[in-house]
C-alpha atoms as a PDB file:
ATOM      1  CA  MET A   1     130.316 122.395 125.232  1.00  0.00           C
ATOM      2  CA  GLY A   2     133.863 121.157 124.761  1.00  0.00           C
ATOM      3  CA  GLN A   3     133.515 122.077 120.848  1.00  0.00           C
ATOM      4  CA  LYS A   4     132.430 125.872 121.853  1.00  0.00           C
ATOM      5  CA  LEU A   5     135.188 126.045 124.498  1.00  0.00           C
ATOM      6  CA  VAL A   6     138.040 125.042 121.898  1.00  0.00           C
ATOM      7  CA  THR A   7     136.681 127.229 119.016  1.00  0.00           C
ATOM      8  CA  SER A   8     136.439 130.157 121.640  1.00  0.00           C
ATOM      9  CA  LEU A   9     139.985 129.553 122.343  1.00  0.00           C
ATOM     10  CA  LEU A  10     141.105 129.403 118.885  1.00  0.00           C
ATOM     11  CA  TRP A  11     139.391 132.582 117.882  1.00  0.00           C
ATOM     12  CA  GLN A  12     140.918 134.444 120.623  1.00  0.00           C
ATOM     13  CA  LEU A  13     144.541 132.689 119.513  1.00  0.00           C
ATOM     14  CA  GLY A  14     144.157 133.868 115.872  1.00  0.00           C
ATOM     15  CA  GLY A  15     142.733 130.721 114.693  1.00  0.00           C
ATOM     16  CA  SER A  16     141.560 130.343 110.935  1.00  0.00           C
ATOM     17  CA  GLU A  17     138.445 131.610 109.649  1.00  0.00           C
ATOM     18  CA  GLU A  18     137.151 128.223 109.189  1.00  0.00           C
ATOM     19  CA  SER A  19     137.872 127.026 112.735  1.00  0.00           C
ATOM     20  CA  LYS A  20     136.541 130.666 113.848  1.00  0.00           C
ATOM     21  CA  ALA A  21     133.207 130.065 112.226  1.00  0.00           C
ATOM     22  CA  GLY A  22     133.041 126.579 114.121  1.00  0.00           C
ATOM     23  CA  PHE A  23     133.365 124.523 110.775  1.00  0.00           C
ATOM     24  CA  SER A  24     136.687 122.800 111.747  1.00  0.00           C
ATOM     25  CA  ILE A  25     139.019 122.803 114.181  1.00  0.00           C
ATOM     26  CA  PRO A  26     142.541 121.382 113.449  1.00  0.00           C
ATOM     27  CA  VAL A  27     143.726 118.764 115.412  1.00  0.00           C
ATOM     28  CA  HIS A  28     147.437 118.257 115.630  1.00  0.00           C
ATOM     29  CA  PRO A  29     148.875 114.724 116.486  1.00  0.00           C
ATOM     30  CA  PRO A  30     150.741 114.125 119.548  1.00  0.00           C
ATOM     31  CA  PRO A  31     154.469 114.062 118.455  1.00  0.00           C
ATOM     32  CA  SER A  32     155.792 110.922 117.609  1.00  0.00           C
ATOM     33  CA  ALA A  33     158.865 109.350 118.572  1.00  0.00           C
ATOM     34  CA  SER A  34     161.063 110.696 116.035  1.00  0.00           C
ATOM     35  CA  GLN A  35     160.341 114.277 117.389  1.00  0.00           C
ATOM     36  CA  ALA A  36     160.418 113.190 121.244  1.00  0.00           C
ATOM     37  CA  LEU A  37     162.844 116.082 122.390  1.00  0.00           C
ATOM     38  CA  CYS A  38     160.401 117.928 124.667  1.00  0.00           C
ATOM     39  CA  SER A  39     159.676 121.229 123.441  1.00  0.00           C
ATOM     40  CA  LEU A  40     157.678 122.103 126.597  1.00  0.00           C
ATOM     41  CA  ALA A  41     161.074 121.709 128.659  1.00  0.00           C
ATOM     42  CA  ASP A  42     161.773 125.132 127.675  1.00  0.00           C
ATOM     43  CA  THR A  43     158.459 126.296 128.895  1.00  0.00           C
ATOM     44  CA  GLY A  44     158.761 124.622 132.485  1.00  0.00           C
ATOM     45  CA  ALA A  45     157.478 121.769 132.243  1.00  0.00           C
ATOM     46  CA  LEU A  46     157.858 120.787 135.461  1.00  0.00           C
ATOM     47  CA  SER A  47     154.688 119.256 136.544  1.00  0.00           C
ATOM     48  CA  ALA A  48     155.220 115.702 137.778  1.00  0.00           C
ATOM     49  CA  PRO A  49     153.067 112.896 136.558  1.00  0.00           C
ATOM     50  CA  ASP A  50     149.702 112.494 138.101  1.00  0.00           C
ATOM     51  CA  ARG A  51     150.275 109.692 140.069  1.00  0.00           C
ATOM     52  CA  LEU A  52     154.009 109.844 141.068  1.00  0.00           C
ATOM     53  CA  ALA A  53     153.447 110.757 144.702  1.00  0.00           C
ATOM     54  CA  GLU A  54     151.345 107.824 144.935  1.00  0.00           C
ATOM     55  CA  LEU A  55     153.492 105.028 143.608  1.00  0.00           C
ATOM     56  CA  LEU A  56     156.732 107.024 145.745  1.00  0.00           C
ATOM     57  CA  ALA A  57     154.600 106.314 148.823  1.00  0.00           C
ATOM     58  CA  LEU A  58     154.185 102.498 147.960  1.00  0.00           C
ATOM     59  CA  PRO A  59     156.672 100.165 150.083  1.00  0.00           C
ATOM     60  CA  PRO A  60     159.644  99.269 148.506  1.00  0.00           C
ATOM     61  CA  CYS A  61     159.474  95.980 145.983  1.00  0.00           C
ATOM     62  CA  SER A  62     160.633  92.722 147.321  1.00  0.00           C
ATOM     63  CA  PRO A  63     164.243  91.100 146.533  1.00  0.00           C
ATOM     64  CA  GLU A  64     162.688  89.104 144.252  1.00  0.00           C
ATOM     65  CA  VAL A  65     161.125  92.050 141.949  1.00  0.00           C
ATOM     66  CA  GLN A  66     163.974  93.973 141.790  1.00  0.00           C
ATOM     67  CA  SER A  67     166.406  91.165 140.606  1.00  0.00           C
ATOM     68  CA  GLN A  68     163.422  90.720 137.607  1.00  0.00           C
ATOM     69  CA  HIS A  69     163.727  94.810 137.050  1.00  0.00           C
ATOM     70  CA  GLY A  70     167.783  94.424 136.897  1.00  0.00           C
ATOM     71  CA  TRP A  71     170.186  94.675 134.136  1.00  0.00           C
ATOM     72  CA  ASN A  72     170.144  92.074 131.556  1.00  0.00           C
ATOM     73  CA  ALA A  73     173.742  90.386 131.260  1.00  0.00           C
ATOM     74  CA  GLN A  74     172.330  89.220 127.804  1.00  0.00           C
ATOM     75  CA  ASP A  75     171.651  92.649 126.425  1.00  0.00           C
ATOM     76  CA  SER A  76     174.811  94.330 127.123  1.00  0.00           C
ATOM     77  CA  SER A  77     178.079  95.565 125.711  1.00  0.00           C
ATOM     78  CA  PRO A  78     180.947  92.722 125.933  1.00  0.00           C
ATOM     79  CA  CYS A  79     182.884  95.280 128.002  1.00  0.00           C
ATOM     80  CA  MET A  80     179.873  95.154 130.756  1.00  0.00           C
ATOM     81  CA  THR A  81     179.949  92.218 133.668  1.00  0.00           C
ATOM     82  CA  VAL A  82     176.746  91.896 135.926  1.00  0.00           C
ATOM     83  CA  CYS A  83     178.079  91.222 139.116  1.00  0.00           C
ATOM     84  CA  GLY A  84     176.676  88.760 141.815  1.00  0.00           C
ATOM     85  CA  SER A  85     173.646  90.605 141.793  1.00  0.00           C
ATOM     86  CA  PRO A  86     171.530  91.530 138.772  1.00  0.00           C
ATOM     87  CA  LEU A  87     171.466  94.970 139.968  1.00  0.00           C
ATOM     88  CA  THR A  88     174.838  96.039 139.687  1.00  0.00           C
ATOM     89  CA  PHE A  89     177.217  96.027 136.611  1.00  0.00           C
ATOM     90  CA  LYS A  90     180.712  96.843 135.943  1.00  0.00           C
ATOM     91  CA  ARG A  91     182.236  98.043 132.940  1.00  0.00           C
ATOM     92  CA  ARG A  92     185.656  96.691 132.373  1.00  0.00           C
ATOM     93  CA  PRO A  93     188.495  99.238 131.194  1.00  0.00           C
ATOM     94  CA  THR A  94     188.525  99.314 127.427  1.00  0.00           C
ATOM     95  CA  ALA A  95     190.536 101.850 125.685  1.00  0.00           C
ATOM     96  CA  GLN A  96     188.765 104.021 122.780  1.00  0.00           C
ATOM     97  CA  THR A  97     185.030 102.259 123.557  1.00  0.00           C
ATOM     98  CA  THR A  98     181.717 103.606 124.476  1.00  0.00           C
ATOM     99  CA  ASP A  99     179.536 100.683 126.111  1.00  0.00           C
ATOM    100  CA  SER A 100     175.651 100.499 127.066  1.00  0.00           C
ATOM    101  CA  ILE A 101     173.865  97.851 129.130  1.00  0.00           C
ATOM    102  CA  ARG A 102     169.295  97.676 129.294  1.00  0.00           C
ATOM    103  CA  GLY A 103     167.409  96.528 131.565  1.00  0.00           C
ATOM    104  CA  ARG A 104     165.738  93.149 132.034  1.00  0.00           C
ATOM    105  CA  MET A 105     162.045  94.553 132.053  1.00  0.00           C
ATOM    106  CA  GLY A 106     160.802  96.166 128.808  1.00  0.00           C
ATOM    107  CA  TYR A 107     157.677  98.558 129.401  1.00  0.00           C
ATOM    108  CA  MET A 108     154.704  99.457 127.311  1.00  0.00           C
ATOM    109  CA  SER A 109     152.070 101.110 129.722  1.00  0.00           C
ATOM    110  CA  GLY A 110     151.905 102.324 132.918  1.00  0.00           C
ATOM    111  CA  LEU A 111     154.197 104.608 135.191  1.00  0.00           C
ATOM    112  CA  HIS A 112     157.336 102.935 136.307  1.00  0.00           C
ATOM    113  CA  VAL A 113     160.388 104.386 138.519  1.00  0.00           C
ATOM    114  CA  TRP A 114     163.541 103.214 138.986  1.00  0.00           C
ATOM    115  CA  GLU A 115     166.561 104.616 140.646  1.00  0.00           C
ATOM    116  CA  ILE A 116     169.958 104.915 139.443  1.00  0.00           C
ATOM    117  CA  SER A 117     173.187 105.085 141.580  1.00  0.00           C
ATOM    118  CA  TRP A 118     176.454 106.061 139.789  1.00  0.00           C
ATOM    119  CA  PRO A 119     179.180 107.762 141.860  1.00  0.00           C
ATOM    120  CA  PRO A 120     180.131 110.771 140.419  1.00  0.00           C
ATOM    121  CA  SER A 121     183.884 110.121 140.684  1.00  0.00           C
ATOM    122  CA  GLN A 122     183.011 107.043 138.065  1.00  0.00           C
ATOM    123  CA  ARG A 123     181.164 108.818 135.589  1.00  0.00           C
ATOM    124  CA  GLY A 124     184.083 110.205 133.507  1.00  0.00           C
ATOM    125  CA  THR A 125     183.414 112.328 130.145  1.00  0.00           C
ATOM    126  CA  HIS A 126     179.882 110.505 129.098  1.00  0.00           C
ATOM    127  CA  ALA A 127     177.920 109.077 131.726  1.00  0.00           C
ATOM    128  CA  VAL A 128     174.460 108.921 130.275  1.00  0.00           C
ATOM    129  CA  VAL A 129     171.190 107.158 131.756  1.00  0.00           C
ATOM    130  CA  GLY A 130     167.755 107.252 130.088  1.00  0.00           C
ATOM    131  CA  VAL A 131     165.785 104.099 127.934  1.00  0.00           C
ATOM    132  CA  SER A 132     166.157 102.335 124.887  1.00  0.00           C
ATOM    133  CA  THR A 133     164.435  99.589 122.868  1.00  0.00           C
ATOM    134  CA  THR A 134     166.159  96.691 121.835  1.00  0.00           C
ATOM    135  CA  GLN A 135     167.007  98.144 118.570  1.00  0.00           C
ATOM    136  CA  ALA A 136     169.715 100.713 119.875  1.00  0.00           C
ATOM    137  CA  PRO A 137     173.583  99.853 119.506  1.00  0.00           C
ATOM    138  CA  LEU A 138     175.103  98.360 122.772  1.00  0.00           C
ATOM    139  CA  GLN A 139     178.537  99.744 121.454  1.00  0.00           C
ATOM    140  CA  ALA A 140     180.407 102.203 119.401  1.00  0.00           C
ATOM    141  CA  GLU A 141     183.967 103.117 118.938  1.00  0.00           C
ATOM    142  CA  GLY A 142     185.406 106.271 120.714  1.00  0.00           C
ATOM    143  CA  TYR A 143     184.078 108.141 123.483  1.00  0.00           C
ATOM    144  CA  GLN A 144     180.672 109.673 122.814  1.00  0.00           C
ATOM    145  CA  ALA A 145     176.971 109.627 124.432  1.00  0.00           C
ATOM    146  CA  LEU A 146     176.017 106.297 122.861  1.00  0.00           C
ATOM    147  CA  LEU A 147     172.437 106.385 124.573  1.00  0.00           C
ATOM    148  CA  GLY A 148     170.433 109.045 122.843  1.00  0.00           C
ATOM    149  CA  SER A 149     172.702 109.221 119.193  1.00  0.00           C
ATOM    150  CA  ASP A 150     169.987 107.140 117.502  1.00  0.00           C
ATOM    151  CA  PRO A 151     166.221 107.292 116.881  1.00  0.00           C
ATOM    152  CA  HIS A 152     165.821 104.248 119.359  1.00  0.00           C
ATOM    153  CA  SER A 153     167.285 105.883 122.603  1.00  0.00           C
ATOM    154  CA  TRP A 154     166.702 108.735 125.085  1.00  0.00           C
ATOM    155  CA  GLY A 155     169.292 109.453 127.687  1.00  0.00           C
ATOM    156  CA  LEU A 156     170.783 112.308 130.070  1.00  0.00           C
ATOM    157  CA  ASP A 157     174.337 113.152 130.520  1.00  0.00           C
ATOM    158  CA  LEU A 158     174.903 113.293 134.159  1.00  0.00           C
ATOM    159  CA  GLY A 159     177.821 115.158 133.715  1.00  0.00           C
ATOM    160  CA  LYS A 160     176.680 117.755 131.446  1.00  0.00           C
ATOM    161  CA  GLY A 161     173.436 118.017 132.227  1.00  0.00           C
ATOM    162  CA  VAL A 162     172.391 117.439 128.347  1.00  0.00           C
ATOM    163  CA  LEU A 163     169.587 115.564 126.889  1.00  0.00           C
ATOM    164  CA  TYR A 164     170.180 113.143 123.786  1.00  0.00           C
ATOM    165  CA  HIS A 165     168.001 111.425 121.151  1.00  0.00           C
ATOM    166  CA  ARG A 166     169.062 111.054 117.722  1.00  0.00           C
ATOM    167  CA  GLY A 167     172.077 112.852 118.261  1.00  0.00           C
ATOM    168  CA  GLN A 168     170.177 116.069 119.085  1.00  0.00           C
ATOM    169  CA  ALA A 169     170.812 117.889 122.643  1.00  0.00           C
ATOM    170  CA  GLN A 170     169.104 119.897 124.701  1.00  0.00           C
ATOM    171  CA  ARG A 171     170.082 121.277 128.147  1.00  0.00           C
ATOM    172  CA  TYR A 172     168.187 120.092 131.069  1.00  0.00           C
ATOM    173  CA  PRO A 173     166.796 120.709 133.799  1.00  0.00           C
ATOM    174  CA  THR A 174     165.434 123.808 132.948  1.00  0.00           C
ATOM    175  CA  GLY A 175     163.265 126.412 135.030  1.00  0.00           C
ATOM    176  CA  ARG A 176     163.690 126.374 138.997  1.00  0.00           C
ATOM    177  CA  TRP A 177     166.103 123.659 139.134  1.00  0.00           C
ATOM    178  CA  ALA A 178     168.309 124.770 136.671  1.00  0.00           C
ATOM    179  CA  GLU A 179     170.456 126.892 138.830  1.00  0.00           C
ATOM    180  CA  GLU A 180     170.771 124.279 141.742  1.00  0.00           C
ATOM    181  CA  ILE A 181     171.933 121.408 139.378  1.00  0.00           C
ATOM    182  CA  THR A 182     174.292 123.662 137.480  1.00  0.00           C
ATOM    183  CA  SER A 183     176.327 124.663 140.517  1.00  0.00           C
ATOM    184  CA  SER A 184     176.093 120.986 142.299  1.00  0.00           C
ATOM    185  CA  GLY A 185     175.427 118.565 139.308  1.00  0.00           C
ATOM    186  CA  PHE A 186     173.841 115.442 139.638  1.00  0.00           C
ATOM    187  CA  PRO A 187     174.006 113.859 142.883  1.00  0.00           C
ATOM    188  CA  GLU A 188     175.020 110.133 143.030  1.00  0.00           C
ATOM    189  CA  ARG A 189     171.405 108.861 142.628  1.00  0.00           C
ATOM    190  CA  ILE A 190     168.508 110.205 140.488  1.00  0.00           C
ATOM    191  CA  LEU A 191     165.215 108.633 139.818  1.00  0.00           C
ATOM    192  CA  VAL A 192     164.164 108.019 136.157  1.00  0.00           C
ATOM    193  CA  VAL A 193     160.060 108.841 135.739  1.00  0.00           C
ATOM    194  CA  LEU A 194     158.652 107.001 132.703  1.00  0.00           C
ATOM    195  CA  ASP A 195     155.074 107.497 132.250  1.00  0.00           C
ATOM    196  CA  LEU A 196     153.590 105.330 129.189  1.00  0.00           C
ATOM    197  CA  GLN A 197     150.468 106.701 129.643  1.00  0.00           C
ATOM    198  CA  CYS A 198     151.381 110.448 128.827  1.00  0.00           C
ATOM    199  CA  GLY A 199     154.449 108.904 126.531  1.00  0.00           C
ATOM    200  CA  THR A 200     156.805 111.156 128.493  1.00  0.00           C
ATOM    201  CA  LEU A 201     160.443 110.110 130.099  1.00  0.00           C
ATOM    202  CA  GLY A 202     161.771 112.331 133.164  1.00  0.00           C
ATOM    203  CA  TYR A 203     163.827 112.637 136.242  1.00  0.00           C
ATOM    204  CA  ALA A 204     163.286 113.250 139.869  1.00  0.00           C
ATOM    205  CA  LEU A 205     165.862 113.372 142.669  1.00  0.00           C
ATOM    206  CA  GLU A 206     165.868 111.032 145.534  1.00  0.00           C
ATOM    207  CA  ASP A 207     163.396 112.958 147.410  1.00  0.00           C
ATOM    208  CA  GLY A 208     160.946 113.158 144.779  1.00  0.00           C
ATOM    209  CA  ARG A 209     161.638 116.314 143.621  1.00  0.00           C
ATOM    210  CA  TYR A 210     160.947 116.671 139.790  1.00  0.00           C
ATOM    211  CA  LEU A 211     162.683 118.098 137.508  1.00  0.00           C
ATOM    212  CA  GLY A 212     160.763 118.208 134.470  1.00  0.00           C
ATOM    213  CA  VAL A 213     159.575 116.714 131.218  1.00  0.00           C
ATOM    214  CA  ALA A 214     162.690 115.859 129.280  1.00  0.00           C
ATOM    215  CA  PHE A 215     161.057 113.766 126.094  1.00  0.00           C
ATOM    216  CA  GLN A 216     158.208 112.856 125.031  1.00  0.00           C
ATOM    217  CA  GLY A 217     156.185 110.858 122.299  1.00  0.00           C
ATOM    218  CA  LEU A 218     157.077 107.605 123.773  1.00  0.00           C
ATOM    219  CA  LYS A 219     155.076 105.428 122.313  1.00  0.00           C
ATOM    220  CA  GLY A 220     154.266 101.909 120.815  1.00  0.00           C
ATOM    221  CA  ALA A 221     157.201 100.035 121.733  1.00  0.00           C
ATOM    222  CA  ALA A 222     158.790  98.217 124.896  1.00  0.00           C
ATOM    223  CA  PHE A 223     161.238 100.603 126.817  1.00  0.00           C
ATOM    224  CA  HIS A 224     164.119  99.328 129.048  1.00  0.00           C
ATOM    225  CA  PRO A 225     165.974 101.083 131.649  1.00  0.00           C
ATOM    226  CA  ALA A 226     169.511 101.606 130.014  1.00  0.00           C
ATOM    227  CA  VAL A 227     172.710 103.506 130.727  1.00  0.00           C
ATOM    228  CA  SER A 228     175.730 104.021 128.437  1.00  0.00           C
ATOM    229  CA  ALA A 229     179.284 104.406 130.105  1.00  0.00           C
ATOM    230  CA  VAL A 230     182.948 104.931 129.378  1.00  0.00           C
ATOM    231  CA  TRP A 231     184.690 104.674 132.633  1.00  0.00           C
ATOM    232  CA  GLY A 232     186.542 101.785 133.394  1.00  0.00           C
ATOM    233  CA  GLN A 233     185.594 100.167 136.479  1.00  0.00           C
ATOM    234  CA  CYS A 234     182.716 102.076 136.943  1.00  0.00           C
ATOM    235  CA  GLU A 235     180.038 100.430 138.884  1.00  0.00           C
ATOM    236  CA  VAL A 236     176.314 101.280 138.064  1.00  0.00           C
ATOM    237  CA  THR A 237     173.227 100.048 140.293  1.00  0.00           C
ATOM    238  CA  ILE A 238     169.771 100.134 139.455  1.00  0.00           C
ATOM    239  CA  ARG A 239     166.936  99.785 141.723  1.00  0.00           C
ATOM    240  CA  TYR A 240     163.259  99.710 140.793  1.00  0.00           C
ATOM    241  CA  ARG A 241     161.095 101.768 143.135  1.00  0.00           C
ATOM    242  CA  ASN A 242     157.568 100.639 142.001  1.00  0.00           C
ATOM    243  CA  GLY A 243     155.248 100.872 139.168  1.00  0.00           C
ATOM    244  CA  LEU A 244     151.398 101.447 138.375  1.00  0.00           C
ATOM    245  CA  LYS A 245     149.109 100.105 136.015  1.00  0.00           C
ATOM    246  CA  PRO A 246     147.447 102.608 133.556  1.00  0.00           C
ATOM    247  CA  GLN A 247     144.075 104.017 134.717  1.00  0.00           C
ATOM    248  CA  PRO A 248     141.515 105.710 132.713  1.00  0.00           C
ATOM    249  CA  LEU A 249     141.454 109.310 131.853  1.00  0.00           C
ATOM    250  CA  SER A 250     139.880 111.721 133.974  1.00  0.00           C
ATOM    251  CA  LEU A 251     137.085 113.805 131.946  1.00  0.00           C
ATOM    252  CA  GLN A 252     139.259 116.779 133.050  1.00  0.00           C
ATOM    253  CA  GLN A 253     142.401 114.929 131.771  1.00  0.00           C
ATOM    254  CA  LEU A 254     140.454 114.216 128.381  1.00  0.00           C
ATOM    255  CA  CYS A 255     138.988 117.867 128.086  1.00  0.00           C
ATOM    256  CA  ARG A 256     142.527 119.108 128.847  1.00  0.00           C
ATOM    257  CA  GLN A 257     143.991 116.846 126.314  1.00  0.00           C
ATOM    258  CA  SER A 258     141.683 117.620 123.564  1.00  0.00           C
ATOM    259  CA  VAL A 259     141.796 121.240 123.998  1.00  0.00           C
ATOM    260  CA  ARG A 260     145.835 120.954 124.104  1.00  0.00           C
ATOM    261  CA  GLU A 261     145.455 119.035 120.614  1.00  0.00           C
ATOM    262  CA  ALA A 262     143.478 121.360 118.746  1.00  0.00           C
ATOM    263  CA  LEU A 263     145.550 124.456 119.708  1.00  0.00           C
ATOM    264  CA  GLY A 264     148.359 122.911 118.595  1.00  0.00           C
ATOM    265  CA  PRO A 265     152.132 123.332 119.857  1.00  0.00           C
ATOM    266  CA  SER A 266     152.910 126.589 118.097  1.00  0.00           C
ATOM    267  CA  ARG A 267     149.405 128.526 120.028  1.00  0.00           C
ATOM    268  CA  LEU A 268     149.729 126.832 123.412  1.00  0.00           C
ATOM    269  CA  ALA A 269     152.230 129.592 124.593  1.00  0.00           C
ATOM    270  CA  GLY A 270     149.194 132.197 123.725  1.00  0.00           C
ATOM    271  CA  VAL A 271     146.971 130.676 126.541  1.00  0.00           C
ATOM    272  CA  TRP A 272     148.527 132.971 129.113  1.00  0.00           C
ATOM    273  CA  GLY A 273     147.218 135.782 127.416  1.00  0.00           C
ATOM    274  CA  LEU A 274     143.224 134.349 127.411  1.00  0.00           C
ATOM    275  CA  PRO A 275     140.985 135.462 129.954  1.00  0.00           C
ATOM    276  CA  LEU A 276     140.828 132.226 131.872  1.00  0.00           C
ATOM    277  CA  PRO A 277     141.663 131.455 135.707  1.00  0.00           C
ATOM    278  CA  SER A 278     145.333 130.904 136.269  1.00  0.00           C
ATOM    279  CA  ALA A 279     144.480 127.284 137.638  1.00  0.00           C
ATOM    280  CA  VAL A 280     142.867 126.698 134.226  1.00  0.00           C
ATOM    281  CA  GLN A 281     145.853 128.339 132.305  1.00  0.00           C
ATOM    282  CA  SER A 282     148.400 125.970 134.256  1.00  0.00           C
ATOM    283  CA  SER A 283     146.437 122.873 133.739  1.00  0.00           C
ATOM    284  CA  LEU A 284     146.586 123.444 130.087  1.00  0.00           C
ATOM    285  CA  LEU A 285     150.057 124.254 129.762  1.00  0.00           C
ATOM    286  CA  GLN A 286     151.221 121.094 132.010  1.00  0.00           C
ATOM    287  CA  HIS A 287     152.184 118.142 130.031  1.00  0.00           C
END
């Protein structure tokens, strides 16, 4: 049944003669971490992870758990000082350097959300929030978006509304939230949403409104909360909201995943032109 559905979709989207005949179906693998700037951000991939609402409804973590997910003073630039609580760091004023710090916990599976509190008056020219592996650099000369400058880190510049990975830049958010964020800027508190079952990183407002998928292809490593900063004396606080262990994908999710992989990124936009119920079209285009 699934094979017939995929073959039919490929036929109507202009698939190869072999795929039309049902002999083979080209399967496109998911993007690797080196291709992780999310192409779907431009087509409105605003759908939140399936269990995000469930996670945000959970009771707050205990102080002990919060501490376990705080900043790591041993995994930071020498210009970063973790305050009495591991939840807040302060950057010492240092000319012509950009400095980074990572969280204590590295996540490899499940859904995780943490809150970053960073006053807009303390952001300076480059205030970047996201994730990195332990291979990402923690300090660089000059003022720059250090987080997201290499293959091992992914970040959002809160001042510019720009995503960075491998030094490539892309506007964020897009779609219906773009005008609101562009006019008012990112608020003091923002949620970072890491969904390692789908391999995506996104951001949300404090009230849970999801701003869209920012990066995809995050798999096969331990991803730590991270920021990079240039503003002297800035204080940034992290609060781990909660996490959920991965669950097996439902039959519906498996079917959607199979169809998306078979179609490939280049033909997904054509789904809107297929004679399918709008709910099915939306489901196929959701990341």
